């Protein structure tokens, strides 16, 4: 009986080792000059709703501002660390929250994922 339990425990532990033995760093992309990778930015904004104005127009205006921020993010990446940048994915959510005596607020949350080619050493650009 003891031998059966020992064998079963040894087999269970051996089955777990491949999961623990994975090299997590090998799966991560390292920022290397001239290499294409992704950069992700997340934005959150909350503004008070103007109850006298059209709520739908306020939502559209908030989304438009979010998209401007997304475009500016790619421009900022280009100005600092990248030779090329393109937005590959944008996700957004718009919520209206009731905040008791403070009234209703419009919340816009979103993520921008950009494909980026990092600058080479010395600030040289790629051809």
Protein backbone atom coordinates (compact mmCIF):
# COMPACT_ATOMS: atom_id res chain seq x y z
CA UNK A 1 0.00 0.00 0.00
CA UNK A 2 2.76 2.46 0.95
CA UNK A 3 4.64 1.63 -2.27
CA UNK A 4 1.51 2.32 -4.34
CA UNK A 5 1.02 5.71 -2.68
CA UNK A 6 4.68 6.62 -3.13
CA UNK A 7 4.57 5.68 -6.81
CA UNK A 8 1.34 7.64 -7.33
CA UNK A 9 2.78 10.70 -5.56
CA UNK A 10 5.98 10.50 -7.61
CA UNK A 11 4.02 10.26 -10.85
CA UNK A 12 1.81 13.21 -9.86
CA UNK A 13 4.84 15.37 -9.06
CA UNK A 14 6.57 14.36 -12.30
CA UNK A 15 3.47 15.31 -14.27
CA UNK A 16 3.56 18.81 -12.72
CA UNK A 17 7.23 19.52 -13.50
CA UNK A 18 6.76 20.49 -17.16
CA UNK A 19 4.46 23.34 -16.08
CA UNK A 20 6.96 24.57 -13.51
CA UNK A 21 9.98 24.03 -15.75
CA UNK A 22 8.82 26.35 -18.53
CA UNK A 23 11.09 29.27 -19.16
CA UNK A 24 8.75 32.23 -18.83
CA UNK A 25 11.36 34.65 -20.16
CA UNK A 26 11.61 32.69 -23.41
CA UNK A 27 7.91 33.38 -24.02
CA UNK A 28 8.21 37.13 -23.41
CA UNK A 29 9.27 39.49 -26.13
CA UNK A 30 12.19 41.67 -25.19
CA UNK A 31 12.37 45.23 -26.52
CA UNK A 32 15.09 45.07 -29.12
CA UNK A 33 16.01 47.89 -31.50
CA UNK A 34 14.66 47.27 -34.99
CA UNK A 35 12.30 44.56 -33.75
CA UNK A 36 8.55 44.77 -34.12
CA UNK A 37 6.56 44.28 -30.94
CA UNK A 38 3.39 45.57 -29.32
CA UNK A 39 2.77 48.42 -26.91
CA UNK A 40 -0.46 48.60 -24.94
CA UNK A 41 -2.00 51.64 -23.24
CA UNK A 42 -5.12 51.74 -21.12
CA UNK A 43 -7.15 54.90 -20.56
CA UNK A 44 -9.98 55.73 -18.18
CA UNK A 45 -11.95 58.96 -17.99
CA UNK A 46 -15.04 60.01 -16.09
CA UNK A 47 -17.00 63.21 -16.65
CA UNK A 48 -20.23 64.56 -15.23
CA UNK A 49 -23.20 64.32 -17.59
CA UNK A 50 -24.95 67.52 -18.55
CA UNK A 51 -28.59 66.54 -17.99
CA UNK A 52 -29.78 69.41 -20.20
CA UNK A 53 -27.88 68.10 -23.26
CA UNK A 54 -28.29 65.01 -25.41
CA UNK A 55 -26.70 62.03 -23.60
CA UNK A 56 -25.98 60.22 -26.88
CA UNK A 57 -24.08 63.21 -28.23
CA UNK A 58 -22.05 63.32 -25.02
CA UNK A 59 -21.19 59.62 -25.38
CA UNK A 60 -20.09 60.11 -28.98
CA UNK A 61 -18.02 63.14 -27.98
CA UNK A 62 -16.32 61.15 -25.23
CA UNK A 63 -15.53 58.30 -27.64
CA UNK A 64 -14.15 60.81 -30.16
CA UNK A 65 -11.85 62.19 -27.44
CA UNK A 66 -10.73 58.66 -26.59
CA UNK A 67 -9.81 58.01 -30.23
CA UNK A 68 -7.84 61.26 -30.33
CA UNK A 69 -5.93 60.11 -27.26
CA UNK A 70 -5.26 56.76 -28.96
CA UNK A 71 -3.87 58.49 -32.05
CA UNK A 72 -1.75 60.78 -29.88
CA UNK A 73 -0.39 57.72 -28.06
CA UNK A 74 0.98 56.30 -31.29
CA UNK A 75 2.46 59.70 -32.13
CA UNK A 76 4.12 59.84 -28.70
CA UNK A 77 5.56 56.34 -29.12
CA UNK A 78 7.00 57.51 -32.46
CA UNK A 79 8.48 60.60 -30.84
CA UNK A 80 10.20 58.62 -28.10
CA UNK A 81 11.01 54.96 -28.76
CA UNK A 82 9.80 53.86 -32.18
CA UNK A 83 10.46 54.27 -35.90
CA UNK A 84 7.06 52.86 -36.87
CA UNK A 85 3.75 52.63 -35.04
CA UNK A 86 0.32 51.53 -36.10
CA UNK A 87 -2.75 50.91 -34.00
CA UNK A 88 -3.70 47.26 -34.31
CA UNK A 89 -6.59 47.06 -31.84
CA UNK A 90 -8.81 49.36 -29.81
CA UNK A 91 -11.36 48.26 -27.24
CA UNK A 92 -13.69 50.69 -25.50
CA UNK A 93 -16.59 50.66 -23.09
CA UNK A 94 -18.88 53.53 -22.21
CA UNK A 95 -20.89 53.49 -18.99
CA UNK A 96 -23.28 55.87 -17.33
CA UNK A 97 -23.07 55.70 -13.54
CA UNK A 98 -25.44 57.15 -10.99
CA UNK A 99 -23.40 58.82 -8.24
CA UNK A 100 -26.12 59.72 -5.78
CA UNK A 101 -26.22 63.43 -4.99
CA UNK A 102 -23.34 64.08 -7.42
CA UNK A 103 -25.53 63.10 -10.38
CA UNK A 104 -24.86 60.87 -13.35
CA UNK A 105 -21.37 60.47 -14.76
CA UNK A 106 -20.14 59.18 -18.10
CA UNK A 107 -17.19 56.81 -17.93
CA UNK A 108 -15.08 55.79 -20.93
CA UNK A 109 -12.55 52.98 -20.52
CA UNK A 110 -10.43 51.52 -23.25
CA UNK A 111 -7.24 49.89 -24.38
CA UNK A 112 -5.09 50.68 -27.39
CA UNK A 113 -2.68 48.05 -28.75
CA UNK A 114 -0.04 49.32 -31.15
CA UNK A 115 2.39 47.41 -33.37
CA UNK A 116 5.72 49.16 -32.93
CA UNK A 117 9.16 48.89 -34.49
CA UNK A 118 11.61 50.16 -31.90
CA UNK A 119 14.35 52.65 -32.79
CA UNK A 120 17.83 51.37 -33.47
CA UNK A 121 20.74 52.52 -31.28
CA UNK A 122 21.82 56.08 -31.93
CA UNK A 123 18.35 57.11 -33.08
CA UNK A 124 18.85 55.92 -36.66
CA UNK A 125 15.67 55.12 -38.50
CA UNK A 126 14.99 51.95 -40.40
CA UNK A 127 14.86 52.03 -44.22
